Amino acid sequence: MAKEFLPLPRMSNSSRRGATALMALAGASESLILQDEDDHLRPRPS
């Protein structure tokens, strides 16, 4: 599922750590995107 975000080369040595990092990165990206959408929906104080 997360592989669709960033096609990273598979490292058989640290596949578990890589997957964890990828999931964390995807979660952070999703948070930033949601935060950005909220900023657009929320009226900015002038």
N, C-alpha and C. Protein backbone atom coordinates (compact mmCIF):
# COMPACT_ATOMS: atom_id res chain seq x y z
N MET A 1 0.84 -1.20 0.00
CA MET A 1 0.00 0.00 0.00
C MET A 1 0.88 1.25 0.00
N ALA A 2 1.84 1.27 0.90
CA ALA A 2 2.70 2.46 1.00
C ALA A 2 3.69 2.52 -0.15
N LYS A 3 3.88 1.37 -0.83
CA LYS A 3 4.84 1.35 -1.93
C LYS A 3 4.41 2.24 -3.07
N GLU A 4 3.12 2.55 -3.14
CA GLU A 4 2.64 3.40 -4.23
C GLU A 4 3.12 4.84 -4.05
N PHE A 5 3.40 5.24 -2.81
CA PHE A 5 3.86 6.60 -2.55
C PHE A 5 5.25 6.82 -3.16
N LEU A 6 6.23 6.04 -2.68
CA LEU A 6 7.60 6.23 -3.14
C LEU A 6 8.18 4.88 -3.53
N PRO A 7 8.47 4.71 -4.82
CA PRO A 7 9.10 3.47 -5.28
C PRO A 7 10.56 3.41 -4.84
N LEU A 8 10.80 2.86 -3.66
CA LEU A 8 12.17 2.76 -3.15
C LEU A 8 12.74 1.39 -3.46
N PRO A 9 14.04 1.33 -3.70
CA PRO A 9 14.69 0.04 -3.95
C PRO A 9 14.61 -0.83 -2.71
N ARG A 10 14.34 -2.11 -2.92
CA ARG A 10 14.19 -3.02 -1.79
C ARG A 10 15.56 -3.42 -1.26
N MET A 11 15.75 -3.32 0.04
CA MET A 11 17.00 -3.76 0.65
C MET A 11 16.69 -4.96 1.53
N SER A 12 17.13 -6.13 1.08
CA SER A 12 16.83 -7.35 1.83
C SER A 12 17.46 -7.30 3.21
N ASN A 13 18.49 -6.47 3.36
CA ASN A 13 19.20 -6.40 4.63
C ASN A 13 18.34 -5.72 5.68
N SER A 14 17.74 -4.60 5.34
CA SER A 14 16.96 -3.83 6.32
C SER A 14 15.56 -3.59 5.77
N SER A 15 14.91 -4.65 5.32
CA SER A 15 13.58 -4.48 4.72
C SER A 15 12.58 -4.05 5.78
N ARG A 16 12.70 -4.62 6.97
CA ARG A 16 11.72 -4.27 8.02
C ARG A 16 11.89 -2.82 8.44
N ARG A 17 13.14 -2.40 8.62
CA ARG A 17 13.40 -1.02 9.03
C ARG A 17 12.97 -0.07 7.91
N GLY A 18 13.24 -0.46 6.67
CA GLY A 18 12.86 0.37 5.53
C GLY A 18 11.35 0.52 5.44
N ALA A 19 10.64 -0.58 5.67
CA ALA A 19 9.18 -0.53 5.62
C ALA A 19 8.65 0.36 6.73
N THR A 20 9.25 0.27 7.90
CA THR A 20 8.82 1.10 9.02
C THR A 20 9.04 2.57 8.71
N ALA A 21 10.22 2.87 8.15
CA ALA A 21 10.53 4.26 7.81
C ALA A 21 9.58 4.76 6.73
N LEU A 22 9.26 3.88 5.77
CA LEU A 22 8.38 4.27 4.68
C LEU A 22 6.98 4.56 5.21
N MET A 23 6.51 3.72 6.13
CA MET A 23 5.19 3.94 6.71
C MET A 23 5.17 5.24 7.51
N ALA A 24 6.26 5.51 8.23
CA ALA A 24 6.33 6.74 9.00
C ALA A 24 6.34 7.94 8.07
N LEU A 25 7.08 7.82 6.97
CA LEU A 25 7.15 8.92 6.01
C LEU A 25 5.79 9.15 5.36
N ALA A 26 5.11 8.06 5.02
CA ALA A 26 3.78 8.19 4.42
C ALA A 26 2.81 8.82 5.42
N GLY A 27 2.92 8.44 6.68
CA GLY A 27 2.05 9.02 7.70
C GLY A 27 2.31 10.51 7.86
N ALA A 28 3.59 10.89 7.84
CA ALA A 28 3.93 12.30 7.97
C ALA A 28 3.42 13.09 6.77
N SER A 29 3.57 12.52 5.58
CA SER A 29 3.10 13.20 4.37
C SER A 29 1.59 13.38 4.43
N GLU A 30 0.90 12.33 4.88
CA GLU A 30 -0.56 12.42 4.97
C GLU A 30 -0.97 13.50 5.96
N SER A 31 -0.24 13.58 7.09
CA SER A 31 -0.55 14.60 8.09
C SER A 31 -0.36 15.99 7.51
N LEU A 32 0.73 16.19 6.76
CA LEU A 32 1.00 17.50 6.18
C LEU A 32 -0.07 17.86 5.16
N ILE A 33 -0.50 16.87 4.37
CA ILE A 33 -1.51 17.13 3.35
C ILE A 33 -2.84 17.51 4.02
N LEU A 34 -3.22 16.76 5.06
CA LEU A 34 -4.46 17.06 5.76
C LEU A 34 -4.38 18.43 6.42
N GLN A 35 -3.22 18.74 6.99
CA GLN A 35 -3.04 20.03 7.64
C GLN A 35 -3.16 21.15 6.61
N ASP A 36 -2.59 20.92 5.42
CA ASP A 36 -2.63 21.93 4.37
C ASP A 36 -4.08 22.15 3.91
N GLU A 37 -4.84 21.06 3.79
CA GLU A 37 -6.24 21.18 3.38
C GLU A 37 -7.02 21.97 4.43
N ASP A 38 -6.74 21.70 5.69
CA ASP A 38 -7.42 22.43 6.76
C ASP A 38 -7.11 23.91 6.68
N ASP A 39 -5.86 24.23 6.35
CA ASP A 39 -5.48 25.64 6.24
C ASP A 39 -6.26 26.32 5.12
N HIS A 40 -6.52 25.59 4.03
CA HIS A 40 -7.26 26.18 2.92
C HIS A 40 -8.74 26.34 3.27
N LEU A 41 -9.28 25.37 4.02
CA LEU A 41 -10.70 25.44 4.37
C LEU A 41 -10.95 26.48 5.45
N ARG A 42 -9.99 26.63 6.34
CA ARG A 42 -10.16 27.57 7.45
C ARG A 42 -9.90 28.99 6.98
N PRO A 43 -10.80 29.92 7.26
CA PRO A 43 -10.58 31.33 6.86
C PRO A 43 -9.38 31.90 7.57
N ARG A 44 -8.50 32.53 6.81
CA ARG A 44 -7.29 33.08 7.40
C ARG A 44 -7.59 34.40 8.11
N PRO A 45 -7.02 34.57 9.30
CA PRO A 45 -7.19 35.85 10.02
C PRO A 45 -6.47 36.97 9.27
N SER A 46 -7.17 38.05 9.00
CA SER A 46 -6.56 39.13 8.22
C SER A 46 -5.86 40.13 9.14
